[in-house]
């Protein structure tokens, strides 16, 4: 059996409340074997767990706190006491704000290491600081989701054994295309980051768009699509070994 694993999606987002059954069924029809459902804030934890119970063996909880908190109409801000760092100036404008994000990330790293779980890491405008922090903390299992840094910085993560997941927005992102060109296929996973980072701007993204990532990666790498699917799925299973209990590939 072959298929895709969406290593980072926000299936608990309100965007999917009205048609979650259809979204899940469309995901399965698109060849997806599992969705790793990522939280942005603690208030989502219960909803994600409920979804994993509603769709057992298909939706897998990935619980953490995003480095940027708050949603419109409330102002967004850096997290204070999702796993990762986000130094986008409009969210974090001071060294203190960056230090607070680092503290939160370190605490989550400690929990992951204690439970022997991988980290699904958000980093934006903070590629090098994120990788350096993970290495300093002795993290061995990490996924850098939708990495927006330079390929040369990403290669520092590759040397540390980290994986990088690529979203459908690669078809319109020169940065992602350059990243994939340099990353070894053995370090790449697939994601959709649904409902964001879809093939089209301002259009709701869904897990079923996962094939867009794989097809474009195959094009950039000059390898068969089947090879991309096989390697990225095996990479995901190495990173998230608990998925093997329900998936046979």
C-alpha atoms as a PDB file:
ATOM      1  CA  UNK A   1       0.000   0.000   0.000  1.00  0.00           C
ATOM      2  CA  UNK A   2       1.364   3.429  -0.939  1.00  0.00           C
ATOM      3  CA  UNK A   3       0.079   6.877  -0.188  1.00  0.00           C
ATOM      4  CA  UNK A   4       0.766  10.264   1.345  1.00  0.00           C
ATOM      5  CA  UNK A   5       1.170  11.456   4.924  1.00  0.00           C
ATOM      6  CA  UNK A   6       0.245  15.078   5.629  1.00  0.00           C
ATOM      7  CA  UNK A   7       2.774  15.881   8.336  1.00  0.00           C
ATOM      8  CA  UNK A   8       1.377  19.277   9.297  1.00  0.00           C
ATOM      9  CA  UNK A   9      -2.206  20.460   8.901  1.00  0.00           C
ATOM     10  CA  UNK A  10      -4.718  22.431  10.967  1.00  0.00           C
ATOM     11  CA  UNK A  11      -7.731  20.226  10.453  1.00  0.00           C
ATOM     12  CA  UNK A  12      -9.216  21.606  13.672  1.00  0.00           C
ATOM     13  CA  UNK A  13      -9.465  25.109  12.167  1.00  0.00           C
ATOM     14  CA  UNK A  14     -12.921  26.658  12.111  1.00  0.00           C
ATOM     15  CA  UNK A  15     -12.656  26.738   8.298  1.00  0.00           C
ATOM     16  CA  UNK A  16     -13.455  23.009   8.332  1.00  0.00           C
ATOM     17  CA  UNK A  17     -16.256  22.942  10.929  1.00  0.00           C
ATOM     18  CA  UNK A  18     -19.089  22.812   8.402  1.00  0.00           C
ATOM     19  CA  UNK A  19     -17.750  20.075   6.120  1.00  0.00           C
ATOM     20  CA  UNK A  20     -15.172  18.078   8.091  1.00  0.00           C
ATOM     21  CA  UNK A  21     -16.648  14.741   6.966  1.00  0.00           C
ATOM     22  CA  UNK A  22     -16.250  15.699   3.311  1.00  0.00           C
ATOM     23  CA  UNK A  23     -12.733  17.044   3.893  1.00  0.00           C
ATOM     24  CA  UNK A  24     -11.653  13.788   5.522  1.00  0.00           C
ATOM     25  CA  UNK A  25     -13.287  11.651   2.824  1.00  0.00           C
ATOM     26  CA  UNK A  26     -11.695  13.751   0.066  1.00  0.00           C
ATOM     27  CA  UNK A  27      -8.338  13.335   1.811  1.00  0.00           C
ATOM     28  CA  UNK A  28      -8.671   9.568   1.762  1.00  0.00           C
ATOM     29  CA  UNK A  29      -9.788   9.597  -1.874  1.00  0.00           C
ATOM     30  CA  UNK A  30      -6.655  11.619  -2.696  1.00  0.00           C
ATOM     31  CA  UNK A  31      -4.483   8.815  -1.335  1.00  0.00           C
ATOM     32  CA  UNK A  32      -3.684  10.219   2.100  1.00  0.00           C
ATOM     33  CA  UNK A  33      -2.943   7.595   4.737  1.00  0.00           C
ATOM     34  CA  UNK A  34      -2.759   9.878   7.780  1.00  0.00           C
ATOM     35  CA  UNK A  35      -3.119  13.506   8.853  1.00  0.00           C
ATOM     36  CA  UNK A  36      -0.918  14.936  11.598  1.00  0.00           C
ATOM     37  CA  UNK A  37      -3.276  17.494  13.171  1.00  0.00           C
ATOM     38  CA  UNK A  38      -1.299  20.378  14.636  1.00  0.00           C
ATOM     39  CA  UNK A  39      -2.547  22.768  17.321  1.00  0.00           C
ATOM     40  CA  UNK A  40      -1.827  26.480  17.510  1.00  0.00           C
ATOM     41  CA  UNK A  41      -2.992  27.114  21.070  1.00  0.00           C
ATOM     42  CA  UNK A  42      -3.988  25.106  24.129  1.00  0.00           C
ATOM     43  CA  UNK A  43      -7.684  25.762  23.507  1.00  0.00           C
ATOM     44  CA  UNK A  44      -7.503  23.477  20.457  1.00  0.00           C
ATOM     45  CA  UNK A  45      -6.100  20.438  22.251  1.00  0.00           C
ATOM     46  CA  UNK A  46      -9.456  18.909  23.178  1.00  0.00           C
ATOM     47  CA  UNK A  47     -10.910  19.509  19.713  1.00  0.00           C
ATOM     48  CA  UNK A  48      -7.955  17.772  18.053  1.00  0.00           C
ATOM     49  CA  UNK A  49      -8.192  14.816  20.419  1.00  0.00           C
ATOM     50  CA  UNK A  50     -11.913  14.533  19.640  1.00  0.00           C
ATOM     51  CA  UNK A  51     -11.155  14.547  15.913  1.00  0.00           C
ATOM     52  CA  UNK A  52      -8.581  11.796  16.395  1.00  0.00           C
ATOM     53  CA  UNK A  53     -11.226   9.723  18.193  1.00  0.00           C
ATOM     54  CA  UNK A  54     -13.808  10.495  15.512  1.00  0.00           C
ATOM     55  CA  UNK A  55     -11.407   9.452  12.739  1.00  0.00           C
ATOM     56  CA  UNK A  56      -9.216   6.834  14.460  1.00  0.00           C
ATOM     57  CA  UNK A  57      -6.020   5.787  12.759  1.00  0.00           C
ATOM     58  CA  UNK A  58      -6.326   8.666  10.289  1.00  0.00           C
ATOM     59  CA  UNK A  59      -6.183  11.908  12.315  1.00  0.00           C
ATOM     60  CA  UNK A  60      -3.215  11.991  14.695  1.00  0.00           C
ATOM     61  CA  UNK A  61      -2.904  14.664  17.422  1.00  0.00           C
ATOM     62  CA  UNK A  62       0.175  16.886  17.479  1.00  0.00           C
ATOM     63  CA  UNK A  63      -0.228  19.203  20.459  1.00  0.00           C
ATOM     64  CA  UNK A  64       1.856  22.305  21.010  1.00  0.00           C
ATOM     65  CA  UNK A  65       1.716  26.090  21.365  1.00  0.00           C
ATOM     66  CA  UNK A  66       2.366  28.307  18.351  1.00  0.00           C
ATOM     67  CA  UNK A  67       4.895  31.153  18.856  1.00  0.00           C
ATOM     68  CA  UNK A  68       2.314  33.729  17.719  1.00  0.00           C
ATOM     69  CA  UNK A  69      -0.921  33.900  19.684  1.00  0.00           C
ATOM     70  CA  UNK A  70      -4.185  35.745  19.104  1.00  0.00           C
ATOM     71  CA  UNK A  71      -6.495  35.893  16.107  1.00  0.00           C
ATOM     72  CA  UNK A  72      -8.521  38.709  14.514  1.00  0.00           C
ATOM     73  CA  UNK A  73     -10.176  40.818  15.716  1.00  0.00           C
ATOM     74  CA  UNK A  74      -7.818  40.509  18.688  1.00  0.00           C
ATOM     75  CA  UNK A  75      -4.241  41.707  18.138  1.00  0.00           C
ATOM     76  CA  UNK A  76      -1.615  39.050  17.460  1.00  0.00           C
ATOM     77  CA  UNK A  77       1.456  38.846  19.662  1.00  0.00           C
ATOM     78  CA  UNK A  78       4.403  36.649  20.496  1.00  0.00           C
ATOM     79  CA  UNK A  79       3.634  33.816  22.877  1.00  0.00           C
ATOM     80  CA  UNK A  80       4.436  34.351  26.550  1.00  0.00           C
ATOM     81  CA  UNK A  81       5.023  31.819  29.275  1.00  0.00           C
ATOM     82  CA  UNK A  82       3.308  26.183  18.493  1.00  0.00           C
ATOM     83  CA  UNK A  83       6.325  24.874  18.963  1.00  0.00           C
ATOM     84  CA  UNK A  84       8.928  27.116  17.394  1.00  0.00           C
ATOM     85  CA  UNK A  85      10.080  30.682  16.883  1.00  0.00           C
ATOM     86  CA  UNK A  86       8.480  33.471  14.853  1.00  0.00           C
ATOM     87  CA  UNK A  87      10.488  36.667  14.727  1.00  0.00           C
ATOM     88  CA  UNK A  88       8.273  38.430  12.171  1.00  0.00           C
ATOM     89  CA  UNK A  89       8.703  42.118  13.145  1.00  0.00           C
ATOM     90  CA  UNK A  90       4.967  42.891  13.335  1.00  0.00           C
ATOM     91  CA  UNK A  91       4.555  40.175  15.966  1.00  0.00           C
ATOM     92  CA  UNK A  92       7.817  40.452  17.903  1.00  0.00           C
ATOM     93  CA  UNK A  93       9.679  43.742  17.967  1.00  0.00           C
ATOM     94  CA  UNK A  94      11.969  43.350  20.972  1.00  0.00           C
ATOM     95  CA  UNK A  95      14.708  41.073  22.238  1.00  0.00           C
ATOM     96  CA  UNK A  96      12.536  40.368  25.275  1.00  0.00           C
ATOM     97  CA  UNK A  97       9.784  39.038  23.015  1.00  0.00           C
ATOM     98  CA  UNK A  98      12.250  36.757  21.261  1.00  0.00           C
ATOM     99  CA  UNK A  99      13.617  35.516  24.566  1.00  0.00           C
ATOM    100  CA  UNK A 100      10.091  34.700  25.795  1.00  0.00           C
ATOM    101  CA  UNK A 101       9.474  32.639  22.650  1.00  0.00           C
ATOM    102  CA  UNK A 102      12.760  30.818  23.210  1.00  0.00           C
ATOM    103  CA  UNK A 103      11.739  29.997  26.784  1.00  0.00           C
ATOM    104  CA  UNK A 104       8.426  28.524  25.629  1.00  0.00           C
ATOM    105  CA  UNK A 105      10.124  26.491  22.915  1.00  0.00           C
ATOM    106  CA  UNK A 106      12.721  25.137  25.347  1.00  0.00           C
ATOM    107  CA  UNK A 107       9.968  24.027  27.730  1.00  0.00           C
ATOM    108  CA  UNK A 108       8.216  22.192  24.897  1.00  0.00           C
ATOM    109  CA  UNK A 109      11.510  20.625  23.840  1.00  0.00           C
ATOM    110  CA  UNK A 110      11.945  19.325  27.371  1.00  0.00           C
ATOM    111  CA  UNK A 111       8.461  17.758  27.315  1.00  0.00           C
ATOM    112  CA  UNK A 112       9.074  16.147  23.918  1.00  0.00           C
ATOM    113  CA  UNK A 113      12.398  14.696  25.015  1.00  0.00           C
ATOM    114  CA  UNK A 114      10.900  13.357  28.240  1.00  0.00           C
ATOM    115  CA  UNK A 115       8.079  11.653  26.309  1.00  0.00           C
ATOM    116  CA  UNK A 116      10.362  10.607  23.436  1.00  0.00           C
ATOM    117  CA  UNK A 117       8.217  12.454  20.893  1.00  0.00           C
ATOM    118  CA  UNK A 118       9.253  14.361  17.747  1.00  0.00           C
ATOM    119  CA  UNK A 119       8.862  18.119  17.454  1.00  0.00           C
ATOM    120  CA  UNK A 120       6.743  19.683  14.699  1.00  0.00           C
ATOM    121  CA  UNK A 121       8.355  23.108  14.522  1.00  0.00           C
ATOM    122  CA  UNK A 122       7.145  26.458  13.200  1.00  0.00           C
ATOM    123  CA  UNK A 123       9.889  28.917  12.312  1.00  0.00           C
ATOM    124  CA  UNK A 124       9.338  32.158  10.427  1.00  0.00           C
ATOM    125  CA  UNK A 125      11.994  34.814  10.017  1.00  0.00           C
ATOM    126  CA  UNK A 126      13.919  32.689  12.518  1.00  0.00           C
ATOM    127  CA  UNK A 127      15.396  29.784  10.571  1.00  0.00           C
ATOM    128  CA  UNK A 128      18.931  29.855  11.913  1.00  0.00           C
ATOM    129  CA  UNK A 129      17.959  30.696  15.550  1.00  0.00           C
ATOM    130  CA  UNK A 130      15.444  27.826  15.531  1.00  0.00           C
ATOM    131  CA  UNK A 131      17.887  25.233  14.231  1.00  0.00           C
ATOM    132  CA  UNK A 132      20.616  26.426  16.586  1.00  0.00           C
ATOM    133  CA  UNK A 133      18.274  26.218  19.581  1.00  0.00           C
ATOM    134  CA  UNK A 134      17.149  22.707  18.655  1.00  0.00           C
ATOM    135  CA  UNK A 135      20.755  21.583  18.320  1.00  0.00           C
ATOM    136  CA  UNK A 136      21.759  23.258  21.589  1.00  0.00           C
ATOM    137  CA  UNK A 137      18.908  21.443  23.346  1.00  0.00           C
ATOM    138  CA  UNK A 138      20.009  18.096  21.960  1.00  0.00           C
ATOM    139  CA  UNK A 139      16.887  17.563  19.843  1.00  0.00           C
ATOM    140  CA  UNK A 140      17.272  14.556  17.557  1.00  0.00           C
ATOM    141  CA  UNK A 141      13.775  14.243  16.039  1.00  0.00           C
ATOM    142  CA  UNK A 142      12.310  17.374  14.481  1.00  0.00           C
ATOM    143  CA  UNK A 143      10.262  18.498  11.510  1.00  0.00           C
ATOM    144  CA  UNK A 144      10.803  22.058  10.289  1.00  0.00           C
ATOM    145  CA  UNK A 145       7.441  22.917   8.744  1.00  0.00           C
ATOM    146  CA  UNK A 146       7.192  25.293   5.757  1.00  0.00           C
ATOM    147  CA  UNK A 147      10.748  26.475   6.436  1.00  0.00           C
ATOM    148  CA  UNK A 148      11.257  30.003   5.084  1.00  0.00           C
ATOM    149  CA  UNK A 149      15.024  30.278   5.540  1.00  0.00           C
ATOM    150  CA  UNK A 150      17.879  29.966   3.093  1.00  0.00           C
ATOM    151  CA  UNK A 151      18.869  26.537   1.740  1.00  0.00           C
ATOM    152  CA  UNK A 152      22.305  26.918   3.312  1.00  0.00           C
ATOM    153  CA  UNK A 153      20.668  27.327   6.734  1.00  0.00           C
ATOM    154  CA  UNK A 154      18.383  24.358   6.100  1.00  0.00           C
ATOM    155  CA  UNK A 155      21.434  22.217   5.383  1.00  0.00           C
ATOM    156  CA  UNK A 156      22.547  22.811   8.984  1.00  0.00           C
ATOM    157  CA  UNK A 157      19.297  21.108   9.987  1.00  0.00           C
ATOM    158  CA  UNK A 158      19.877  18.278   7.526  1.00  0.00           C
ATOM    159  CA  UNK A 159      23.272  17.623   9.115  1.00  0.00           C
ATOM    160  CA  UNK A 160      21.515  17.429  12.502  1.00  0.00           C
ATOM    161  CA  UNK A 161      19.108  14.823  11.117  1.00  0.00           C
ATOM    162  CA  UNK A 162      16.038  17.069  10.912  1.00  0.00           C
ATOM    163  CA  UNK A 163      13.284  16.803   8.293  1.00  0.00           C
ATOM    164  CA  UNK A 164      11.669  19.613   6.296  1.00  0.00           C
ATOM    165  CA  UNK A 165       8.024  19.490   5.165  1.00  0.00           C
ATOM    166  CA  UNK A 166       6.938  21.179   1.954  1.00  0.00           C
ATOM    167  CA  UNK A 167       3.432  22.658   1.382  1.00  0.00           C
ATOM    168  CA  UNK A 168       1.442  23.080  -1.871  1.00  0.00           C
ATOM    169  CA  UNK A 169       2.435  26.760  -1.970  1.00  0.00           C
ATOM    170  CA  UNK A 170       5.749  25.565  -3.424  1.00  0.00           C
ATOM    171  CA  UNK A 171       4.202  26.053  -6.870  1.00  0.00           C
ATOM    172  CA  UNK A 172       4.156  29.819  -6.251  1.00  0.00           C
ATOM    173  CA  UNK A 173       7.139  30.181  -3.903  1.00  0.00           C
ATOM    174  CA  UNK A 174      10.593  30.665  -5.381  1.00  0.00           C
ATOM    175  CA  UNK A 175      12.064  30.255  -1.884  1.00  0.00           C
ATOM    176  CA  UNK A 176      10.459  26.811  -1.444  1.00  0.00           C
ATOM    177  CA  UNK A 177      11.572  25.775  -4.916  1.00  0.00           C
ATOM    178  CA  UNK A 178      15.191  26.704  -4.159  1.00  0.00           C
ATOM    179  CA  UNK A 179      14.926  24.902  -0.835  1.00  0.00           C
ATOM    180  CA  UNK A 180      13.698  21.662  -2.411  1.00  0.00           C
ATOM    181  CA  UNK A 181      16.360  21.816  -5.091  1.00  0.00           C
ATOM    182  CA  UNK A 182      19.089  21.674  -2.449  1.00  0.00           C
ATOM    183  CA  UNK A 183      17.491  19.443   0.188  1.00  0.00           C
ATOM    184  CA  UNK A 184      18.111  15.703  -0.186  1.00  0.00           C
ATOM    185  CA  UNK A 185      14.890  13.795  -0.811  1.00  0.00           C
ATOM    186  CA  UNK A 186      15.698  11.715   2.282  1.00  0.00           C
ATOM    187  CA  UNK A 187      15.168  14.863   4.389  1.00  0.00           C
ATOM    188  CA  UNK A 188      11.831  15.924   2.874  1.00  0.00           C
ATOM    189  CA  UNK A 189       8.283  15.295   4.108  1.00  0.00           C
ATOM    190  CA  UNK A 190       4.964  16.528   2.743  1.00  0.00           C
ATOM    191  CA  UNK A 191       2.465  18.841   4.410  1.00  0.00           C
ATOM    192  CA  UNK A 192      -0.460  21.048   3.458  1.00  0.00           C
ATOM    193  CA  UNK A 193      -0.657  23.409   6.468  1.00  0.00           C
ATOM    194  CA  UNK A 194      -4.394  23.425   5.669  1.00  0.00           C
ATOM    195  CA  UNK A 195      -6.253  25.744   5.512  1.00  0.00           C
ATOM    196  CA  UNK A 196      -3.213  27.943   4.675  1.00  0.00           C
ATOM    197  CA  UNK A 197      -0.367  27.670   2.120  1.00  0.00           C
ATOM    198  CA  UNK A 198      -2.456  26.210  -0.671  1.00  0.00           C
ATOM    199  CA  UNK A 199      -1.760  26.249  -4.403  1.00  0.00           C
ATOM    200  CA  UNK A 200      -3.733  29.493  -4.730  1.00  0.00           C
ATOM    201  CA  UNK A 201      -3.535  32.548  -2.490  1.00  0.00           C
ATOM    202  CA  UNK A 202      -6.594  33.370  -0.392  1.00  0.00           C
ATOM    203  CA  UNK A 203      -8.244  30.042  -1.260  1.00  0.00           C
ATOM    204  CA  UNK A 204      -8.912  27.493   1.484  1.00  0.00           C
ATOM    205  CA  UNK A 205      -6.306  24.760   1.315  1.00  0.00           C
ATOM    206  CA  UNK A 206      -7.254  21.138   2.059  1.00  0.00           C
ATOM    207  CA  UNK A 207      -5.224  17.999   2.748  1.00  0.00           C
ATOM    208  CA  UNK A 208      -6.304  16.569  -0.620  1.00  0.00           C
ATOM    209  CA  UNK A 209      -3.891  19.067  -2.225  1.00  0.00           C
ATOM    210  CA  UNK A 210      -0.962  17.039  -0.878  1.00  0.00           C
ATOM    211  CA  UNK A 211      -0.309  15.624  -4.362  1.00  0.00           C
ATOM    212  CA  UNK A 212       0.566  19.139  -5.551  1.00  0.00           C
ATOM    213  CA  UNK A 213       3.639  19.119  -3.285  1.00  0.00           C
ATOM    214  CA  UNK A 214       4.764  15.671  -4.414  1.00  0.00           C
ATOM    215  CA  UNK A 215       4.314  16.412  -8.110  1.00  0.00           C
ATOM    216  CA  UNK A 216       6.276  19.651  -7.928  1.00  0.00           C
ATOM    217  CA  UNK A 217       9.063  18.084  -5.885  1.00  0.00           C
ATOM    218  CA  UNK A 218       9.333  15.318  -8.494  1.00  0.00           C
ATOM    219  CA  UNK A 219       9.601  17.993 -11.184  1.00  0.00           C
ATOM    220  CA  UNK A 220      12.294  19.953  -9.331  1.00  0.00           C
ATOM    221  CA  UNK A 221      14.280  16.839  -8.444  1.00  0.00           C
ATOM    222  CA  UNK A 222      13.857  15.190 -11.813  1.00  0.00           C
ATOM    223  CA  UNK A 223      12.699  11.914 -10.270  1.00  0.00           C
ATOM    224  CA  UNK A 224       9.512   9.848 -10.718  1.00  0.00           C
ATOM    225  CA  UNK A 225       6.479  10.890  -8.675  1.00  0.00           C
ATOM    226  CA  UNK A 226       6.316   7.362  -7.223  1.00  0.00           C
ATOM    227  CA  UNK A 227       9.822   7.818  -5.824  1.00  0.00           C
ATOM    228  CA  UNK A 228       8.845  11.057  -4.092  1.00  0.00           C
ATOM    229  CA  UNK A 229       5.744   9.461  -2.554  1.00  0.00           C
ATOM    230  CA  UNK A 230       7.672   6.410  -1.347  1.00  0.00           C
ATOM    231  CA  UNK A 231      10.592   8.313   0.197  1.00  0.00           C
ATOM    232  CA  UNK A 232       8.588  11.118   1.819  1.00  0.00           C
ATOM    233  CA  UNK A 233       6.158   8.624   3.359  1.00  0.00           C
ATOM    234  CA  UNK A 234       8.985   6.519   4.759  1.00  0.00           C
ATOM    235  CA  UNK A 235      10.584   9.713   6.095  1.00  0.00           C
ATOM    236  CA  UNK A 236       7.306  10.578   7.855  1.00  0.00           C
ATOM    237  CA  UNK A 237       7.103   7.107   9.393  1.00  0.00           C
ATOM    238  CA  UNK A 238      10.662   7.422  10.688  1.00  0.00           C
ATOM    239  CA  UNK A 239       9.786  10.761  12.239  1.00  0.00           C
ATOM    240  CA  UNK A 240       6.373   9.653  13.565  1.00  0.00           C
ATOM    241  CA  UNK A 241       6.858   5.926  14.293  1.00  0.00           C
ATOM    242  CA  UNK A 242       3.504   5.674  16.114  1.00  0.00           C
ATOM    243  CA  UNK A 243       1.800   5.958  12.717  1.00  0.00           C
ATOM    244  CA  UNK A 244       3.185   2.529  11.763  1.00  0.00           C
ATOM    245  CA  UNK A 245       0.612   0.903  14.050  1.00  0.00           C
ATOM    246  CA  UNK A 246      -2.154   1.775  11.565  1.00  0.00           C
ATOM    247  CA  UNK A 247      -0.274   2.196   8.295  1.00  0.00           C
ATOM    248  CA  UNK A 248       1.331  -0.466   6.153  1.00  0.00           C
ATOM    249  CA  UNK A 249       3.433   0.789   3.277  1.00  0.00           C
END
